[in-house]
Amino acid sequence: MANDTIQLTDQLYDYLIAVSLREPDVLRRLRAETATLDRASMQMSPDTGQFLAFLIKLIGTKRAIEVGVFTGYSSLAIALALPDDGQLIACDVSDEWTAMGRRFWQEAGVNHKIDLRLAPAVQTLQQLIDEGHQNSFDFIFIDADKPNYATYYEQAYRLVRPGGLICIDNVLWHGRVLDESRQDEGTQAIRVLNKNLYTDERVDLSLVPIGDGVTMLRKR
């Protein structure tokens, strides 16, 4: 047993992937196509996708929300983990980026599980609240514009059921949370969010150093 978290070298990360990643071919090919784009750095790591799928199955998720789709890798990972009658409401503003994901969703046979809503996510989440969907979702994943993270979290808290999970990506922000010279809006938003989540007694919390850091919050 160790009293701190091991530091992953590139070689150790490659070993981790080699002995644990069970990535379906359709996910692998979507990830490879996304890697050719100028904004490929926005793509989540494959082990993070598998981790989310594991959580979804672990809590028996049937209704999920994703805030931030990009090219649809995380959407596909989530949809593949949902039962056939499960539903993912996927929120994004880009028809261009999500078009890539839609091709792979269709190929994977999960199109019927994904309800893509192209509008600002703040509006989509508020609409769900206004329609009476509070406390009805099992799992919500947030990975979008950082300045709105606090708003997304509060809306997600209202929508997720007691015992359900909210997962927030990029909470370590490539280490920039520790760099005091970084005072841009996104970095400051994550610092404030992390501090507020730590003291939020409405949830149980664990920050997992996978990918760029994922905070898991279980609604009490």
Protein backbone atom coordinates (compact mmCIF):
# COMPACT_ATOMS: atom_id res chain seq x y z
CA MET A 1 0.00 0.00 0.00
CA ALA A 2 1.21 3.51 -0.83
CA ASN A 3 0.46 6.72 1.05
CA ASP A 4 0.28 8.86 -2.11
CA THR A 5 -0.69 8.50 -5.77
CA ILE A 6 1.91 7.08 -8.13
CA GLN A 7 3.26 9.40 -10.83
CA LEU A 8 2.58 8.00 -14.30
CA THR A 9 5.46 8.10 -16.74
CA ASP A 10 4.67 7.67 -20.42
CA GLN A 11 5.90 4.09 -20.23
CA LEU A 12 3.78 3.30 -17.19
CA TYR A 13 0.72 4.89 -18.81
CA ASP A 14 1.30 2.74 -21.91
CA TYR A 15 1.41 -0.31 -19.65
CA LEU A 16 -1.80 0.78 -17.91
CA ILE A 17 -3.53 1.04 -21.28
CA ALA A 18 -2.12 -2.28 -22.45
CA VAL A 19 -3.44 -4.25 -19.47
CA SER A 20 -6.74 -2.47 -18.80
CA LEU A 21 -8.21 -0.66 -21.82
CA ARG A 22 -11.04 -2.56 -23.52
CA GLU A 23 -11.88 -0.02 -26.19
CA PRO A 24 -14.42 -1.11 -28.83
CA ASP A 25 -13.16 -0.66 -32.37
CA VAL A 26 -15.79 1.98 -33.16
CA LEU A 27 -14.54 4.09 -30.25
CA ARG A 28 -10.91 3.58 -31.27
CA ARG A 29 -11.63 4.76 -34.81
CA LEU A 30 -13.56 7.82 -33.63
CA ARG A 31 -10.67 8.72 -31.35
CA ALA A 32 -8.19 8.28 -34.22
CA GLU A 33 -10.23 10.52 -36.53
CA THR A 34 -10.56 13.17 -33.82
CA ALA A 35 -6.78 13.09 -33.36
CA THR A 36 -6.36 14.54 -36.86
CA LEU A 37 -8.21 17.74 -35.95
CA ASP A 38 -6.61 21.02 -34.90
CA ARG A 39 -8.49 20.90 -31.60
CA ALA A 40 -7.68 17.26 -30.87
CA SER A 41 -6.50 18.19 -27.37
CA MET A 42 -10.16 18.54 -26.40
CA GLN A 43 -10.57 14.77 -26.80
CA MET A 44 -10.87 12.83 -23.55
CA SER A 45 -8.43 10.00 -22.87
CA PRO A 46 -9.69 6.48 -23.62
CA ASP A 47 -9.19 5.33 -20.03
CA THR A 48 -11.41 8.20 -18.87
CA GLY A 49 -14.12 7.07 -21.28
CA GLN A 50 -13.89 3.53 -19.98
CA PHE A 51 -14.01 4.82 -16.40
CA LEU A 52 -17.24 6.72 -17.09
CA ALA A 53 -18.76 3.62 -18.73
CA PHE A 54 -17.81 1.58 -15.66
CA LEU A 55 -19.54 4.08 -13.36
CA ILE A 56 -22.65 4.13 -15.54
CA LYS A 57 -22.98 0.36 -15.35
CA LEU A 58 -22.10 0.30 -11.66
CA ILE A 59 -25.07 2.50 -10.65
CA GLY A 60 -27.50 1.05 -13.19
CA THR A 61 -27.86 4.26 -15.20
CA LYS A 62 -30.83 4.58 -17.55
CA ARG A 63 -31.07 8.38 -17.88
CA ALA A 64 -27.95 10.47 -18.44
CA ILE A 65 -26.93 13.97 -19.49
CA GLU A 66 -23.69 15.08 -21.11
CA VAL A 67 -22.69 18.75 -21.18
CA GLY A 68 -20.15 19.16 -23.97
CA VAL A 69 -20.02 16.65 -26.84
CA PHE A 70 -17.17 17.75 -29.14
CA THR A 71 -16.79 14.90 -31.68
CA GLY A 72 -18.90 12.50 -29.66
CA TYR A 73 -16.36 10.11 -28.13
CA SER A 74 -17.67 10.45 -24.59
CA SER A 75 -21.26 10.35 -25.87
CA LEU A 76 -20.54 7.07 -27.62
CA ALA A 77 -18.80 5.61 -24.58
CA ILE A 78 -21.78 6.54 -22.41
CA ALA A 79 -24.39 5.31 -24.90
CA LEU A 80 -22.64 1.96 -25.32
CA ALA A 81 -22.75 1.50 -21.54
CA LEU A 82 -26.47 2.34 -21.27
CA PRO A 83 -29.12 -0.38 -21.58
CA ASP A 84 -31.01 -0.53 -24.88
CA ASP A 85 -33.86 1.54 -23.43
CA GLY A 86 -31.49 4.08 -21.86
CA GLN A 87 -31.30 7.73 -22.88
CA LEU A 88 -28.49 10.26 -23.07
CA ILE A 89 -29.33 13.94 -23.53
CA ALA A 90 -26.20 15.32 -25.20
CA CYS A 91 -25.75 19.11 -25.05
CA ASP A 92 -23.53 21.05 -27.44
CA VAL A 93 -23.57 24.11 -29.70
CA SER A 94 -21.53 22.85 -32.67
CA ASP A 95 -23.22 21.09 -35.55
CA GLU A 96 -19.80 20.74 -37.20
CA TRP A 97 -18.06 18.83 -34.43
CA THR A 98 -21.04 16.69 -33.45
CA ALA A 99 -21.55 15.65 -37.08
CA MET A 100 -18.47 13.46 -36.76
CA GLY A 101 -19.89 11.79 -33.68
CA ARG A 102 -23.28 11.21 -35.28
CA ARG A 103 -21.68 9.08 -37.99
CA PHE A 104 -20.10 6.79 -35.42
CA TRP A 105 -23.20 6.72 -33.20
CA GLN A 106 -25.18 5.44 -36.15
CA GLU A 107 -22.55 2.88 -37.04
CA ALA A 108 -22.50 1.63 -33.44
CA GLY A 109 -26.29 1.31 -33.38
CA VAL A 110 -26.80 3.68 -30.45
CA ASN A 111 -28.46 6.59 -32.28
CA HIS A 112 -31.79 5.80 -30.63
CA LYS A 113 -30.24 6.32 -27.19
CA ILE A 114 -28.79 9.79 -27.88
CA ASP A 115 -30.91 12.94 -27.90
CA LEU A 116 -28.54 15.62 -29.26
CA ARG A 117 -29.64 19.15 -28.38
CA LEU A 118 -27.79 21.89 -30.24
CA ALA A 119 -28.23 24.93 -28.02
CA PRO A 120 -26.35 26.56 -25.14
CA ALA A 121 -26.32 23.92 -22.40
CA VAL A 122 -27.44 26.41 -19.76
CA GLN A 123 -30.66 26.80 -21.74
CA THR A 124 -31.12 23.07 -22.31
CA LEU A 125 -30.59 22.21 -18.64
CA GLN A 126 -32.92 24.99 -17.51
CA GLN A 127 -35.56 23.74 -19.91
CA LEU A 128 -35.30 20.27 -18.37
CA ILE A 129 -35.72 21.80 -14.92
CA ASP A 130 -38.70 23.86 -16.06
CA GLU A 131 -40.30 20.75 -17.54
CA GLY A 132 -40.18 19.05 -14.14
CA HIS A 133 -37.24 16.66 -14.56
CA GLN A 134 -35.63 17.43 -11.21
CA ASN A 135 -34.22 14.41 -9.35
CA SER A 136 -34.76 12.12 -12.34
CA PHE A 137 -31.35 11.56 -13.96
CA ASP A 138 -28.89 8.91 -12.81
CA PHE A 139 -25.67 10.29 -14.27
CA ILE A 140 -24.50 13.69 -15.53
CA PHE A 141 -21.11 14.40 -17.14
CA ILE A 142 -19.83 17.97 -17.45
CA ASP A 143 -17.02 18.73 -19.92
CA ALA A 144 -17.67 22.07 -21.62
CA ASP A 145 -16.75 25.76 -21.34
CA LYS A 146 -15.09 26.27 -17.98
CA PRO A 147 -16.53 29.72 -17.06
CA ASN A 148 -20.00 28.12 -16.94
CA TYR A 149 -18.95 25.11 -14.84
CA ALA A 150 -20.50 26.48 -11.64
CA THR A 151 -23.82 27.09 -13.38
CA TYR A 152 -23.79 23.65 -15.02
CA TYR A 153 -23.07 22.05 -11.66
CA GLU A 154 -25.96 23.75 -9.87
CA GLN A 155 -28.34 22.81 -12.69
CA ALA A 156 -27.01 19.26 -12.72
CA TYR A 157 -27.48 19.01 -8.96
CA ARG A 158 -31.17 19.81 -9.39
CA LEU A 159 -31.59 17.29 -12.19
CA VAL A 160 -29.70 14.30 -10.76
CA ARG A 161 -31.52 11.94 -8.42
CA PRO A 162 -30.43 11.28 -4.82
CA GLY A 163 -27.73 8.63 -5.08
CA GLY A 164 -26.97 9.67 -8.64
CA LEU A 165 -23.57 10.82 -9.91
CA ILE A 166 -22.27 14.06 -11.36
CA CYS A 167 -18.82 13.80 -12.96
CA ILE A 168 -16.87 16.94 -13.86
CA ASP A 169 -13.86 16.75 -16.19
CA ASN A 170 -10.68 18.87 -16.39
CA VAL A 171 -10.66 19.79 -12.71
CA LEU A 172 -6.83 19.67 -12.61
CA TRP A 173 -6.66 21.77 -15.81
CA HIS A 174 -3.29 20.38 -16.92
CA GLY A 175 -1.78 21.60 -13.66
CA ARG A 176 -2.69 25.21 -14.34
CA VAL A 177 -4.78 25.35 -11.15
CA LEU A 178 -1.42 25.64 -9.30
CA ASP A 179 0.11 28.26 -11.58
CA GLU A 180 -0.57 31.64 -9.98
CA SER A 181 0.53 33.39 -13.18
CA ARG A 182 -2.57 31.94 -14.85
CA GLN A 183 -5.45 34.28 -14.06
CA ASP A 184 -7.62 33.71 -17.13
CA GLU A 185 -11.35 33.25 -16.68
CA GLY A 186 -11.36 29.51 -17.28
CA THR A 187 -8.56 28.73 -14.84
CA GLN A 188 -10.05 30.90 -12.14
CA ALA A 189 -13.46 29.30 -12.67
CA ILE A 190 -12.04 25.84 -12.05
CA ARG A 191 -10.16 26.96 -8.93
CA VAL A 192 -13.33 28.47 -7.48
CA LEU A 193 -15.41 25.42 -8.42
CA ASN A 194 -12.96 23.00 -6.82
CA LYS A 195 -12.93 25.03 -3.61
CA ASN A 196 -16.72 25.22 -3.49
CA LEU A 197 -17.21 21.53 -4.24
CA TYR A 198 -14.88 20.62 -1.38
CA THR A 199 -17.20 22.35 1.10
CA ASP A 200 -20.51 21.32 -0.51
CA GLU A 201 -22.22 19.16 2.13
CA ARG A 202 -25.01 18.21 -0.28
CA VAL A 203 -22.76 15.67 -1.97
CA ASP A 204 -20.14 13.01 -1.36
CA LEU A 205 -16.97 13.76 -3.31
CA SER A 206 -13.89 12.12 -4.79
CA LEU A 207 -11.41 13.73 -7.19
CA VAL A 208 -9.78 11.02 -9.29
CA PRO A 209 -6.48 11.82 -11.07
CA ILE A 210 -7.49 10.17 -14.34
CA GLY A 211 -7.08 12.05 -17.60
CA ASP A 212 -7.09 15.75 -16.67
CA GLY A 213 -8.78 15.05 -13.33
CA VAL A 214 -12.39 13.99 -12.82
CA THR A 215 -14.40 14.97 -9.75
CA MET A 216 -17.17 12.52 -8.89
CA LEU A 217 -20.07 13.82 -6.80
CA ARG A 218 -22.79 11.63 -5.34
CA LYS A 219 -25.96 13.49 -4.46
CA ARG A 220 -26.97 12.73 -0.88
